[in-house]
Amino acid sequence: MTAANELRLLPWSGPEGKPCYLSTDDPGGYMSRLADNLEAIQLGSAAELLEHALETLADRGTSLNEMRCLVEELTGGLRDILRVATSRGHLLAASEPRETAY
């Protein structure tokens, strides 16, 4: 089983927005692949959202209500991408060889 400091932060939240973690010895297992696929979708959605935000900001006719909607979408996208970055950072740190004291 995975060590406690090597738990994978999953790209979705649990009840009440709490983080979900995966403990597995199989990085190619079903849940790991599901998390990888969802992360890829979230990254693609973030790229599309960025494009939409740039277009909206360039449009001088954008209403305050449209800007509020954009900010809500950006907040959700940023939350998702931050979770992906955090998860991948932990995965990289866990995969680095540990120094051995002689």
C-alpha atoms as a PDB file:
ATOM      1  CA  MET A   1       0.000   0.000   0.000  1.00  0.00           C
ATOM      2  CA  THR A   2       1.116   3.584  -0.578  1.00  0.00           C
ATOM      3  CA  ALA A   3       2.848   5.447   2.240  1.00  0.00           C
ATOM      4  CA  ALA A   4       0.777   8.207   3.851  1.00  0.00           C
ATOM      5  CA  ASN A   5       2.981  10.941   2.376  1.00  0.00           C
ATOM      6  CA  GLU A   6       2.498   9.458  -1.121  1.00  0.00           C
ATOM      7  CA  LEU A   7      -1.288   9.696  -1.294  1.00  0.00           C
ATOM      8  CA  ARG A   8      -2.516  11.090  -4.584  1.00  0.00           C
ATOM      9  CA  LEU A   9      -4.749  14.140  -4.428  1.00  0.00           C
ATOM     10  CA  LEU A  10      -7.632  13.389  -6.778  1.00  0.00           C
ATOM     11  CA  PRO A  11      -9.002  16.003  -9.195  1.00  0.00           C
ATOM     12  CA  TRP A  12     -12.423  16.062  -7.559  1.00  0.00           C
ATOM     13  CA  SER A  13     -13.792  17.002  -4.172  1.00  0.00           C
ATOM     14  CA  GLY A  14     -15.687  14.939  -1.685  1.00  0.00           C
ATOM     15  CA  PRO A  15     -18.628  15.970   0.455  1.00  0.00           C
ATOM     16  CA  GLU A  16     -18.526  19.597   1.564  1.00  0.00           C
ATOM     17  CA  GLY A  17     -15.672  20.321  -0.861  1.00  0.00           C
ATOM     18  CA  LYS A  18     -13.138  18.295   1.103  1.00  0.00           C
ATOM     19  CA  PRO A  19     -10.177  16.844  -0.835  1.00  0.00           C
ATOM     20  CA  CYS A  20     -10.170  13.198  -1.911  1.00  0.00           C
ATOM     21  CA  TYR A  21      -7.034  11.075  -1.916  1.00  0.00           C
ATOM     22  CA  LEU A  22      -6.074   7.783  -3.535  1.00  0.00           C
ATOM     23  CA  SER A  23      -3.829   5.213  -1.910  1.00  0.00           C
ATOM     24  CA  THR A  24      -2.617   2.579  -4.355  1.00  0.00           C
ATOM     25  CA  ASP A  25       0.455   0.687  -5.440  1.00  0.00           C
ATOM     26  CA  ASP A  26      -0.815   0.622  -9.034  1.00  0.00           C
ATOM     27  CA  PRO A  27      -0.391   3.962 -10.853  1.00  0.00           C
ATOM     28  CA  GLY A  28      -1.996   2.307 -13.906  1.00  0.00           C
ATOM     29  CA  GLY A  29      -5.062   1.123 -12.010  1.00  0.00           C
ATOM     30  CA  TYR A  30      -8.635   2.133 -12.783  1.00  0.00           C
ATOM     31  CA  MET A  31      -8.841   5.015 -10.287  1.00  0.00           C
ATOM     32  CA  SER A  32      -5.431   6.383 -11.285  1.00  0.00           C
ATOM     33  CA  ARG A  33      -6.406   6.317 -14.971  1.00  0.00           C
ATOM     34  CA  LEU A  34      -9.755   7.935 -14.151  1.00  0.00           C
ATOM     35  CA  ALA A  35      -7.945  10.713 -12.262  1.00  0.00           C
ATOM     36  CA  ASP A  36      -5.453  11.154 -15.139  1.00  0.00           C
ATOM     37  CA  ASN A  37      -8.298  11.440 -17.656  1.00  0.00           C
ATOM     38  CA  LEU A  38     -10.213  13.947 -15.541  1.00  0.00           C
ATOM     39  CA  GLU A  39      -7.060  16.031 -15.060  1.00  0.00           C
ATOM     40  CA  ALA A  40      -6.582  16.099 -18.841  1.00  0.00           C
ATOM     41  CA  ILE A  41     -10.183  17.256 -19.284  1.00  0.00           C
ATOM     42  CA  GLN A  42      -9.729  19.947 -16.632  1.00  0.00           C
ATOM     43  CA  LEU A  43      -6.556  21.220 -18.314  1.00  0.00           C
ATOM     44  CA  GLY A  44      -8.319  21.356 -21.682  1.00  0.00           C
ATOM     45  CA  SER A  45     -11.279  23.164 -20.152  1.00  0.00           C
ATOM     46  CA  ALA A  46      -8.928  25.687 -18.554  1.00  0.00           C
ATOM     47  CA  ALA A  47      -7.360  26.443 -21.935  1.00  0.00           C
ATOM     48  CA  GLU A  48     -10.815  27.017 -23.438  1.00  0.00           C
ATOM     49  CA  LEU A  49     -11.844  29.154 -20.474  1.00  0.00           C
ATOM     50  CA  LEU A  50      -8.735  31.294 -20.851  1.00  0.00           C
ATOM     51  CA  GLU A  51      -9.566  31.873 -24.511  1.00  0.00           C
ATOM     52  CA  HIS A  52     -13.141  32.823 -23.564  1.00  0.00           C
ATOM     53  CA  ALA A  53     -11.887  35.178 -20.837  1.00  0.00           C
ATOM     54  CA  LEU A  54      -9.541  36.951 -23.248  1.00  0.00           C
ATOM     55  CA  GLU A  55     -12.362  37.432 -25.762  1.00  0.00           C
ATOM     56  CA  THR A  56     -14.746  38.665 -23.069  1.00  0.00           C
ATOM     57  CA  LEU A  57     -12.222  41.140 -21.675  1.00  0.00           C
ATOM     58  CA  ALA A  58     -11.512  42.472 -25.172  1.00  0.00           C
ATOM     59  CA  ASP A  59     -15.217  43.154 -25.737  1.00  0.00           C
ATOM     60  CA  ARG A  60     -15.975  46.647 -24.405  1.00  0.00           C
ATOM     61  CA  GLY A  61     -19.690  45.829 -24.533  1.00  0.00           C
ATOM     62  CA  THR A  62     -19.466  43.092 -21.893  1.00  0.00           C
ATOM     63  CA  SER A  63     -22.004  43.698 -19.143  1.00  0.00           C
ATOM     64  CA  LEU A  64     -21.301  43.563 -15.424  1.00  0.00           C
ATOM     65  CA  ASN A  65     -23.444  40.421 -15.164  1.00  0.00           C
ATOM     66  CA  GLU A  66     -21.402  38.736 -17.914  1.00  0.00           C
ATOM     67  CA  MET A  67     -18.202  39.696 -16.078  1.00  0.00           C
ATOM     68  CA  ARG A  68     -19.533  38.192 -12.848  1.00  0.00           C
ATOM     69  CA  CYS A  69     -20.327  34.951 -14.678  1.00  0.00           C
ATOM     70  CA  LEU A  70     -16.831  34.952 -16.152  1.00  0.00           C
ATOM     71  CA  VAL A  71     -15.269  35.447 -12.722  1.00  0.00           C
ATOM     72  CA  GLU A  72     -17.294  32.504 -11.347  1.00  0.00           C
ATOM     73  CA  GLU A  73     -16.129  30.302 -14.223  1.00  0.00           C
ATOM     74  CA  LEU A  74     -12.518  31.435 -13.791  1.00  0.00           C
ATOM     75  CA  THR A  75     -12.664  30.755 -10.055  1.00  0.00           C
ATOM     76  CA  GLY A  76     -13.857  27.189 -10.648  1.00  0.00           C
ATOM     77  CA  GLY A  77     -11.239  26.621 -13.347  1.00  0.00           C
ATOM     78  CA  LEU A  78      -8.469  28.020 -11.177  1.00  0.00           C
ATOM     79  CA  ARG A  79      -9.537  25.767  -8.288  1.00  0.00           C
ATOM     80  CA  ASP A  80      -9.402  22.717 -10.582  1.00  0.00           C
ATOM     81  CA  ILE A  81      -6.010  23.611 -12.053  1.00  0.00           C
ATOM     82  CA  LEU A  82      -4.535  24.350  -8.634  1.00  0.00           C
ATOM     83  CA  ARG A  83      -5.662  20.892  -7.495  1.00  0.00           C
ATOM     84  CA  VAL A  84      -4.072  19.296 -10.594  1.00  0.00           C
ATOM     85  CA  ALA A  85      -0.821  21.204 -10.034  1.00  0.00           C
ATOM     86  CA  THR A  86      -0.735  20.270  -6.359  1.00  0.00           C
ATOM     87  CA  SER A  87      -1.422  16.620  -7.149  1.00  0.00           C
ATOM     88  CA  ARG A  88       1.232  16.455  -9.850  1.00  0.00           C
ATOM     89  CA  GLY A  89       3.738  18.214  -7.617  1.00  0.00           C
ATOM     90  CA  HIS A  90       3.170  15.612  -4.928  1.00  0.00           C
ATOM     91  CA  LEU A  91       3.496  12.807  -7.488  1.00  0.00           C
ATOM     92  CA  LEU A  92       6.807  14.218  -8.720  1.00  0.00           C
ATOM     93  CA  ALA A  93       8.146  14.585  -5.193  1.00  0.00           C
ATOM     94  CA  ALA A  94       7.089  11.023  -4.342  1.00  0.00           C
ATOM     95  CA  SER A  95       8.761   9.614  -7.466  1.00  0.00           C
ATOM     96  CA  GLU A  96      12.135  11.316  -6.874  1.00  0.00           C
ATOM     97  CA  PRO A  97      14.793   8.993  -5.523  1.00  0.00           C
ATOM     98  CA  ARG A  98      15.401   9.421  -1.838  1.00  0.00           C
ATOM     99  CA  GLU A  99      18.921  10.167  -0.621  1.00  0.00           C
ATOM    100  CA  THR A 100      20.415   7.451   1.521  1.00  0.00           C
ATOM    101  CA  ALA A 101      22.669   8.342   4.457  1.00  0.00           C
ATOM    102  CA  TYR A 102      25.774   6.180   4.621  1.00  0.00           C
END
